[in-house]
Amino acid sequence: MSSGPGYWAVVPAAGVGRRMGGERPKQYLPLGGRMVIEHTLGRLLGHPLIQGVYVALSADDAWWVDCAYARHPGVRRVAGGGERCHSVLNALEALSAVASPHDWVLVHDAARPCLRVSDIERLIGELEGHPVGGLLAVPLHDTVKRAQGGAVAETLPREALWRAYTPQMFRLGELREALSTALERGWLVTDEASALELAGRKPRLVEGHGDNIKITRPEDLALAEFYLRRQGGRS
């Protein structure tokens, strides 16, 4: 038996995806013959180091029962919350009953179905000995403008700017404490790295692939399907 830390995944999936404008949450929309979330869970469960996945769902979720992974032995459903940070914290608290505070947790968006297994490998490989943890990210190549009143106020230097992606990987105990503290102070952080940053920590940026997109708008589905076809079995 290995004496090293374990690896777990948390997937917050309690959101309704209002910008999609559909009848069901975006994680349950069809994509290449499967639900979006089925692609996502398949990528995570397919990694040999990940011991289990905790999925945070809304109490009135009517679609999860039809998911191919609803009864998978490696998947556990937990109660979601009002915001992403609440859902993640609920999952971490449930996970704490079976995992060590030193275990690694990979938090991944349910609506990022194109995650490459090679990016999971890179994230784990670069962070396994890191004192804080980090996240997949992609350097920003576009010119960025700051707006004011509908006009350009200034052009921002892009050299130090990155797009924050997921998974974001941190130690269970430290992430749980950082999120709890943030919420106690009224900070509704939008990603896990922000909670660690507020705690004075400096997560590491691990460059991933740009096709790890988050489905937010209707046109993203067609792009995700294109990326999945292009990846084929070589993720």
C-alpha atoms as a PDB file:
ATOM      1  CA  MET A   1       0.000   0.000   0.000  1.00  0.00           C
ATOM      2  CA  SER A   2       1.310   3.459  -0.918  1.00  0.00           C
ATOM      3  CA  SER A   3       2.190   5.773   1.977  1.00  0.00           C
ATOM      4  CA  GLY A   4       1.762   8.868  -0.172  1.00  0.00           C
ATOM      5  CA  PRO A   5      -1.258  11.178  -0.274  1.00  0.00           C
ATOM      6  CA  GLY A   6      -4.465  10.160  -1.967  1.00  0.00           C
ATOM      7  CA  TYR A   7      -6.118  11.975  -4.863  1.00  0.00           C
ATOM      8  CA  TRP A   8      -9.801  12.851  -5.045  1.00  0.00           C
ATOM      9  CA  ALA A   9     -11.974  14.976  -7.298  1.00  0.00           C
ATOM     10  CA  VAL A  10     -14.806  17.364  -6.498  1.00  0.00           C
ATOM     11  CA  VAL A  11     -17.257  18.503  -9.173  1.00  0.00           C
ATOM     12  CA  PRO A  12     -19.587  21.382  -8.230  1.00  0.00           C
ATOM     13  CA  ALA A  13     -22.704  20.886 -10.362  1.00  0.00           C
ATOM     14  CA  ALA A  14     -25.536  22.652  -8.537  1.00  0.00           C
ATOM     15  CA  GLY A  15     -25.741  25.618 -10.917  1.00  0.00           C
ATOM     16  CA  VAL A  16     -28.568  26.170 -13.378  1.00  0.00           C
ATOM     17  CA  GLY A  17     -26.562  27.844 -16.156  1.00  0.00           C
ATOM     18  CA  ARG A  18     -28.906  30.790 -16.812  1.00  0.00           C
ATOM     19  CA  ARG A  19     -26.818  32.117 -19.697  1.00  0.00           C
ATOM     20  CA  MET A  20     -27.551  28.953 -21.680  1.00  0.00           C
ATOM     21  CA  GLY A  21     -31.276  29.712 -21.611  1.00  0.00           C
ATOM     22  CA  GLY A  22     -32.271  26.039 -21.849  1.00  0.00           C
ATOM     23  CA  GLU A  23     -34.837  23.918 -20.055  1.00  0.00           C
ATOM     24  CA  ARG A  24     -32.171  21.997 -18.167  1.00  0.00           C
ATOM     25  CA  PRO A  25     -28.838  22.909 -16.539  1.00  0.00           C
ATOM     26  CA  LYS A  26     -25.939  23.034 -18.978  1.00  0.00           C
ATOM     27  CA  GLN A  27     -24.180  20.048 -17.390  1.00  0.00           C
ATOM     28  CA  TYR A  28     -27.057  17.840 -18.577  1.00  0.00           C
ATOM     29  CA  LEU A  29     -27.225  19.084 -22.159  1.00  0.00           C
ATOM     30  CA  PRO A  30     -26.455  16.559 -24.911  1.00  0.00           C
ATOM     31  CA  LEU A  31     -22.939  16.633 -26.309  1.00  0.00           C
ATOM     32  CA  GLY A  32     -21.724  14.062 -28.791  1.00  0.00           C
ATOM     33  CA  GLY A  33     -24.293  11.478 -27.731  1.00  0.00           C
ATOM     34  CA  ARG A  34     -23.702  11.896 -24.001  1.00  0.00           C
ATOM     35  CA  MET A  35     -24.491  14.437 -21.298  1.00  0.00           C
ATOM     36  CA  VAL A  36     -21.876  17.140 -20.762  1.00  0.00           C
ATOM     37  CA  ILE A  37     -21.278  15.936 -17.206  1.00  0.00           C
ATOM     38  CA  GLU A  38     -20.780  12.349 -18.397  1.00  0.00           C
ATOM     39  CA  HIS A  39     -17.800  13.440 -20.480  1.00  0.00           C
ATOM     40  CA  THR A  40     -16.450  15.352 -17.476  1.00  0.00           C
ATOM     41  CA  LEU A  41     -16.814  12.499 -14.994  1.00  0.00           C
ATOM     42  CA  GLY A  42     -15.425  10.001 -17.468  1.00  0.00           C
ATOM     43  CA  ARG A  43     -12.201  11.982 -17.788  1.00  0.00           C
ATOM     44  CA  LEU A  44     -11.749  12.208 -14.017  1.00  0.00           C
ATOM     45  CA  LEU A  45     -12.669   8.608 -13.215  1.00  0.00           C
ATOM     46  CA  GLY A  46     -10.422   7.425 -16.014  1.00  0.00           C
ATOM     47  CA  HIS A  47      -7.311   8.607 -14.188  1.00  0.00           C
ATOM     48  CA  PRO A  48      -5.786   5.775 -12.132  1.00  0.00           C
ATOM     49  CA  LEU A  49      -4.786   7.971  -9.173  1.00  0.00           C
ATOM     50  CA  ILE A  50      -8.205   9.487  -8.543  1.00  0.00           C
ATOM     51  CA  GLN A  51      -9.879   7.401  -5.852  1.00  0.00           C
ATOM     52  CA  GLY A  52     -13.339   8.888  -6.102  1.00  0.00           C
ATOM     53  CA  VAL A  53     -15.383  11.843  -7.281  1.00  0.00           C
ATOM     54  CA  TYR A  54     -17.740  13.886  -5.101  1.00  0.00           C
ATOM     55  CA  VAL A  55     -20.452  15.622  -7.129  1.00  0.00           C
ATOM     56  CA  ALA A  56     -22.321  18.516  -5.480  1.00  0.00           C
ATOM     57  CA  LEU A  57     -25.887  18.728  -6.790  1.00  0.00           C
ATOM     58  CA  SER A  58     -28.961  20.826  -6.144  1.00  0.00           C
ATOM     59  CA  ALA A  59     -31.577  19.229  -3.902  1.00  0.00           C
ATOM     60  CA  ASP A  60     -34.181  19.519  -6.663  1.00  0.00           C
ATOM     61  CA  ASP A  61     -31.957  18.126  -9.406  1.00  0.00           C
ATOM     62  CA  ALA A  62     -34.238  16.012 -11.629  1.00  0.00           C
ATOM     63  CA  TRP A  63     -31.650  15.005 -14.221  1.00  0.00           C
ATOM     64  CA  TRP A  64     -28.854  13.313 -12.252  1.00  0.00           C
ATOM     65  CA  VAL A  65     -30.806  10.049 -12.011  1.00  0.00           C
ATOM     66  CA  ASP A  66     -30.423   9.652 -15.778  1.00  0.00           C
ATOM     67  CA  CYS A  67     -26.669  10.215 -15.730  1.00  0.00           C
ATOM     68  CA  ALA A  68     -24.588   7.148 -16.592  1.00  0.00           C
ATOM     69  CA  TYR A  69     -22.481   7.730 -13.456  1.00  0.00           C
ATOM     70  CA  ALA A  70     -25.350   8.212 -10.991  1.00  0.00           C
ATOM     71  CA  ARG A  71     -24.784   4.728  -9.554  1.00  0.00           C
ATOM     72  CA  HIS A  72     -21.073   4.428 -10.230  1.00  0.00           C
ATOM     73  CA  PRO A  73     -19.222   3.074  -7.168  1.00  0.00           C
ATOM     74  CA  GLY A  74     -16.568   5.769  -7.491  1.00  0.00           C
ATOM     75  CA  VAL A  75     -19.054   8.650  -7.441  1.00  0.00           C
ATOM     76  CA  ARG A  76     -20.787  10.119  -4.413  1.00  0.00           C
ATOM     77  CA  ARG A  77     -23.546  12.721  -4.521  1.00  0.00           C
ATOM     78  CA  VAL A  78     -23.463  15.515  -1.938  1.00  0.00           C
ATOM     79  CA  ALA A  79     -25.666  18.546  -1.351  1.00  0.00           C
ATOM     80  CA  GLY A  80     -24.858  21.609  -3.388  1.00  0.00           C
ATOM     81  CA  GLY A  81     -25.067  25.167  -2.127  1.00  0.00           C
ATOM     82  CA  GLY A  82     -26.164  28.584  -3.236  1.00  0.00           C
ATOM     83  CA  GLU A  83     -22.797  29.432  -4.780  1.00  0.00           C
ATOM     84  CA  ARG A  84     -19.940  27.376  -6.176  1.00  0.00           C
ATOM     85  CA  CYS A  85     -17.864  27.927  -3.033  1.00  0.00           C
ATOM     86  CA  HIS A  86     -20.669  26.537  -0.840  1.00  0.00           C
ATOM     87  CA  SER A  87     -20.962  23.442  -3.034  1.00  0.00           C
ATOM     88  CA  VAL A  88     -17.225  22.795  -2.959  1.00  0.00           C
ATOM     89  CA  LEU A  89     -17.066  23.232   0.814  1.00  0.00           C
ATOM     90  CA  ASN A  90     -19.976  20.809   1.298  1.00  0.00           C
ATOM     91  CA  ALA A  91     -18.130  18.237  -0.801  1.00  0.00           C
ATOM     92  CA  LEU A  92     -14.894  18.763   1.113  1.00  0.00           C
ATOM     93  CA  GLU A  93     -16.662  18.287   4.430  1.00  0.00           C
ATOM     94  CA  ALA A  94     -18.171  15.012   3.220  1.00  0.00           C
ATOM     95  CA  LEU A  95     -14.829  13.892   1.821  1.00  0.00           C
ATOM     96  CA  SER A  96     -13.101  14.652   5.129  1.00  0.00           C
ATOM     97  CA  ALA A  97     -14.903  11.671   6.655  1.00  0.00           C
ATOM     98  CA  VAL A  98     -12.889   9.240   4.524  1.00  0.00           C
ATOM     99  CA  ALA A  99      -9.790  11.141   3.361  1.00  0.00           C
ATOM    100  CA  SER A 100      -6.714  12.583   5.037  1.00  0.00           C
ATOM    101  CA  PRO A 101      -6.250  16.361   5.364  1.00  0.00           C
ATOM    102  CA  HIS A 102      -3.018  15.860   3.408  1.00  0.00           C
ATOM    103  CA  ASP A 103      -4.754  14.217   0.451  1.00  0.00           C
ATOM    104  CA  TRP A 104      -4.962  16.171  -2.774  1.00  0.00           C
ATOM    105  CA  VAL A 105      -8.321  17.347  -4.120  1.00  0.00           C
ATOM    106  CA  LEU A 106      -8.842  18.277  -7.768  1.00  0.00           C
ATOM    107  CA  VAL A 107     -11.847  20.599  -8.115  1.00  0.00           C
ATOM    108  CA  HIS A 108     -13.174  20.603 -11.675  1.00  0.00           C
ATOM    109  CA  ASP A 109     -16.068  22.379 -13.363  1.00  0.00           C
ATOM    110  CA  ALA A 110     -18.892  20.083 -14.455  1.00  0.00           C
ATOM    111  CA  ALA A 111     -19.160  22.109 -17.667  1.00  0.00           C
ATOM    112  CA  ARG A 112     -15.558  21.503 -18.778  1.00  0.00           C
ATOM    113  CA  PRO A 113     -15.999  18.201 -20.644  1.00  0.00           C
ATOM    114  CA  CYS A 114     -12.892  18.486 -22.844  1.00  0.00           C
ATOM    115  CA  LEU A 115     -10.320  18.093 -20.072  1.00  0.00           C
ATOM    116  CA  ARG A 116      -7.374  16.099 -21.369  1.00  0.00           C
ATOM    117  CA  VAL A 117      -6.005  13.231 -19.309  1.00  0.00           C
ATOM    118  CA  SER A 118      -2.558  14.553 -20.219  1.00  0.00           C
ATOM    119  CA  ASP A 119      -3.420  17.826 -18.476  1.00  0.00           C
ATOM    120  CA  ILE A 120      -4.440  15.923 -15.344  1.00  0.00           C
ATOM    121  CA  GLU A 121      -1.086  14.148 -15.527  1.00  0.00           C
ATOM    122  CA  ARG A 122       0.771  17.437 -15.887  1.00  0.00           C
ATOM    123  CA  LEU A 123      -1.116  19.043 -13.002  1.00  0.00           C
ATOM    124  CA  ILE A 124      -0.423  16.140 -10.649  1.00  0.00           C
ATOM    125  CA  GLY A 125       3.168  15.794 -11.802  1.00  0.00           C
ATOM    126  CA  GLU A 126       4.046  19.443 -11.276  1.00  0.00           C
ATOM    127  CA  LEU A 127       2.207  19.858  -7.973  1.00  0.00           C
ATOM    128  CA  GLU A 128       2.754  16.575  -6.114  1.00  0.00           C
ATOM    129  CA  GLY A 129       5.637  18.066  -4.116  1.00  0.00           C
ATOM    130  CA  HIS A 130       4.440  21.665  -4.096  1.00  0.00           C
ATOM    131  CA  PRO A 131       3.745  23.246  -0.675  1.00  0.00           C
ATOM    132  CA  VAL A 132       0.508  24.928  -1.798  1.00  0.00           C
ATOM    133  CA  GLY A 133      -0.931  23.424  -4.971  1.00  0.00           C
ATOM    134  CA  GLY A 134      -2.164  25.175  -8.058  1.00  0.00           C
ATOM    135  CA  LEU A 135      -4.370  25.190 -11.100  1.00  0.00           C
ATOM    136  CA  LEU A 136      -4.464  24.602 -14.812  1.00  0.00           C
ATOM    137  CA  ALA A 137      -4.289  27.892 -16.683  1.00  0.00           C
ATOM    138  CA  VAL A 138      -3.525  29.307 -20.104  1.00  0.00           C
ATOM    139  CA  PRO A 139      -1.515  32.493 -20.837  1.00  0.00           C
ATOM    140  CA  LEU A 140      -3.652  35.274 -22.250  1.00  0.00           C
ATOM    141  CA  HIS A 141      -2.787  36.137 -25.848  1.00  0.00           C
ATOM    142  CA  ASP A 142      -5.524  38.655 -26.620  1.00  0.00           C
ATOM    143  CA  THR A 143      -5.167  42.384 -26.148  1.00  0.00           C
ATOM    144  CA  VAL A 144      -7.124  43.309 -23.014  1.00  0.00           C
ATOM    145  CA  LYS A 145      -9.038  46.559 -22.511  1.00  0.00           C
ATOM    146  CA  ARG A 146     -10.427  47.968 -19.281  1.00  0.00           C
ATOM    147  CA  ALA A 147     -13.785  49.587 -19.919  1.00  0.00           C
ATOM    148  CA  GLN A 148     -15.382  52.603 -18.298  1.00  0.00           C
ATOM    149  CA  GLY A 149     -18.795  53.831 -19.322  1.00  0.00           C
ATOM    150  CA  GLY A 150     -18.773  51.728 -22.471  1.00  0.00           C
ATOM    151  CA  ALA A 151     -15.472  53.169 -23.674  1.00  0.00           C
ATOM    152  CA  VAL A 152     -11.855  52.046 -23.392  1.00  0.00           C
ATOM    153  CA  ALA A 153     -10.259  53.390 -20.243  1.00  0.00           C
ATOM    154  CA  GLU A 154      -6.893  51.725 -20.769  1.00  0.00           C
ATOM    155  CA  THR A 155      -5.101  48.809 -22.384  1.00  0.00           C
ATOM    156  CA  LEU A 156      -3.765  46.359 -19.839  1.00  0.00           C
ATOM    157  CA  PRO A 157      -0.395  44.630 -20.213  1.00  0.00           C
ATOM    158  CA  ARG A 158      -1.122  40.995 -21.001  1.00  0.00           C
ATOM    159  CA  GLU A 159       2.307  39.498 -20.318  1.00  0.00           C
ATOM    160  CA  ALA A 160       1.422  38.542 -16.747  1.00  0.00           C
ATOM    161  CA  LEU A 161      -2.234  37.608 -17.377  1.00  0.00           C
ATOM    162  CA  TRP A 162      -3.528  34.020 -17.459  1.00  0.00           C
ATOM    163  CA  ARG A 163      -6.943  32.434 -17.909  1.00  0.00           C
ATOM    164  CA  ALA A 164      -7.768  30.379 -14.813  1.00  0.00           C
ATOM    165  CA  TYR A 165      -9.065  26.901 -15.718  1.00  0.00           C
ATOM    166  CA  THR A 166      -9.788  23.751 -13.746  1.00  0.00           C
ATOM    167  CA  PRO A 167      -8.944  21.344 -12.218  1.00  0.00           C
ATOM    168  CA  GLN A 168      -7.549  23.345  -9.319  1.00  0.00           C
ATOM    169  CA  MET A 169      -5.592  21.081  -6.988  1.00  0.00           C
ATOM    170  CA  PHE A 170      -4.978  21.683  -3.285  1.00  0.00           C
ATOM    171  CA  ARG A 171      -4.600  19.750  -0.042  1.00  0.00           C
ATOM    172  CA  LEU A 172      -7.961  18.797   1.423  1.00  0.00           C
ATOM    173  CA  GLY A 173      -7.362  20.274   4.873  1.00  0.00           C
ATOM    174  CA  GLU A 174      -5.900  23.558   3.708  1.00  0.00           C
ATOM    175  CA  LEU A 175      -8.518  24.115   1.020  1.00  0.00           C
ATOM    176  CA  ARG A 176     -11.340  23.352   3.437  1.00  0.00           C
ATOM    177  CA  GLU A 177      -9.950  25.826   5.962  1.00  0.00           C
ATOM    178  CA  ALA A 178      -9.351  28.520   3.338  1.00  0.00           C
ATOM    179  CA  LEU A 179     -12.891  28.246   1.953  1.00  0.00           C
ATOM    180  CA  SER A 180     -14.430  28.232   5.435  1.00  0.00           C
ATOM    181  CA  THR A 181     -12.501  31.355   6.388  1.00  0.00           C
ATOM    182  CA  ALA A 182     -13.435  33.144   3.173  1.00  0.00           C
ATOM    183  CA  LEU A 183     -17.131  32.422   3.691  1.00  0.00           C
ATOM    184  CA  GLU A 184     -16.990  33.484   7.337  1.00  0.00           C
ATOM    185  CA  ARG A 185     -15.669  36.841   6.125  1.00  0.00           C
ATOM    186  CA  GLY A 186     -18.364  37.149   3.489  1.00  0.00           C
ATOM    187  CA  TRP A 187     -16.101  36.522   0.501  1.00  0.00           C
ATOM    188  CA  LEU A 188     -17.925  34.487  -2.157  1.00  0.00           C
ATOM    189  CA  VAL A 189     -14.812  33.382  -4.009  1.00  0.00           C
ATOM    190  CA  THR A 190     -15.376  32.199  -7.574  1.00  0.00           C
ATOM    191  CA  ASP A 191     -12.559  29.657  -7.604  1.00  0.00           C
ATOM    192  CA  GLU A 192     -10.507  27.692  -5.108  1.00  0.00           C
ATOM    193  CA  ALA A 193      -7.244  29.461  -5.897  1.00  0.00           C
ATOM    194  CA  SER A 194      -8.811  32.740  -4.766  1.00  0.00           C
ATOM    195  CA  ALA A 195      -9.507  31.257  -1.330  1.00  0.00           C
ATOM    196  CA  LEU A 196      -5.861  30.204  -0.995  1.00  0.00           C
ATOM    197  CA  GLU A 197      -4.715  33.618  -2.206  1.00  0.00           C
ATOM    198  CA  LEU A 198      -6.841  35.333   0.452  1.00  0.00           C
ATOM    199  CA  ALA A 199      -5.140  33.081   3.003  1.00  0.00           C
ATOM    200  CA  GLY A 200      -1.764  34.461   1.902  1.00  0.00           C
ATOM    201  CA  ARG A 201      -0.757  31.491  -0.226  1.00  0.00           C
ATOM    202  CA  LYS A 202       0.552  31.550  -3.801  1.00  0.00           C
ATOM    203  CA  PRO A 203      -0.895  28.772  -5.980  1.00  0.00           C
ATOM    204  CA  ARG A 204       1.198  27.648  -8.913  1.00  0.00           C
ATOM    205  CA  LEU A 205       0.041  28.110 -12.494  1.00  0.00           C
ATOM    206  CA  VAL A 206       0.343  24.956 -14.599  1.00  0.00           C
ATOM    207  CA  GLU A 207      -0.077  25.547 -18.315  1.00  0.00           C
ATOM    208  CA  GLY A 208      -2.778  23.387 -19.868  1.00  0.00           C
ATOM    209  CA  HIS A 209      -4.473  23.155 -23.243  1.00  0.00           C
ATOM    210  CA  GLY A 210      -6.798  25.863 -24.493  1.00  0.00           C
ATOM    211  CA  ASP A 211      -9.449  23.344 -25.566  1.00  0.00           C
ATOM    212  CA  ASN A 212     -10.377  22.773 -21.908  1.00  0.00           C
ATOM    213  CA  ILE A 213     -13.243  25.219 -22.393  1.00  0.00           C
ATOM    214  CA  LYS A 214     -16.126  25.889 -20.046  1.00  0.00           C
ATOM    215  CA  ILE A 215     -19.554  25.617 -21.632  1.00  0.00           C
ATOM    216  CA  THR A 216     -21.321  28.861 -20.796  1.00  0.00           C
ATOM    217  CA  ARG A 217     -23.246  29.936 -23.894  1.00  0.00           C
ATOM    218  CA  PRO A 218     -25.130  27.912 -26.540  1.00  0.00           C
ATOM    219  CA  GLU A 219     -22.363  28.322 -29.130  1.00  0.00           C
ATOM    220  CA  ASP A 220     -19.894  26.657 -26.752  1.00  0.00           C
ATOM    221  CA  LEU A 221     -21.577  23.284 -27.269  1.00  0.00           C
ATOM    222  CA  ALA A 222     -20.625  23.171 -30.943  1.00  0.00           C
ATOM    223  CA  LEU A 223     -17.054  24.164 -30.098  1.00  0.00           C
ATOM    224  CA  ALA A 224     -16.822  21.507 -27.381  1.00  0.00           C
ATOM    225  CA  GLU A 225     -18.116  18.858 -29.786  1.00  0.00           C
ATOM    226  CA  PHE A 226     -15.460  19.894 -32.303  1.00  0.00           C
ATOM    227  CA  TYR A 227     -12.719  19.632 -29.673  1.00  0.00           C
ATOM    228  CA  LEU A 228     -13.927  16.218 -28.510  1.00  0.00           C
ATOM    229  CA  ARG A 229     -13.926  14.905 -32.074  1.00  0.00           C
ATOM    230  CA  ARG A 230     -10.448  16.292 -32.658  1.00  0.00           C
ATOM    231  CA  GLN A 231      -9.155  14.747 -29.453  1.00  0.00           C
ATOM    232  CA  GLY A 232     -10.605  11.374 -30.382  1.00  0.00           C
ATOM    233  CA  GLY A 233      -9.117   8.804 -28.032  1.00  0.00           C
ATOM    234  CA  ARG A 234      -5.939  10.820 -27.558  1.00  0.00           C
ATOM    235  CA  SER A 235      -6.777  13.080 -24.662  1.00  0.00           C
END
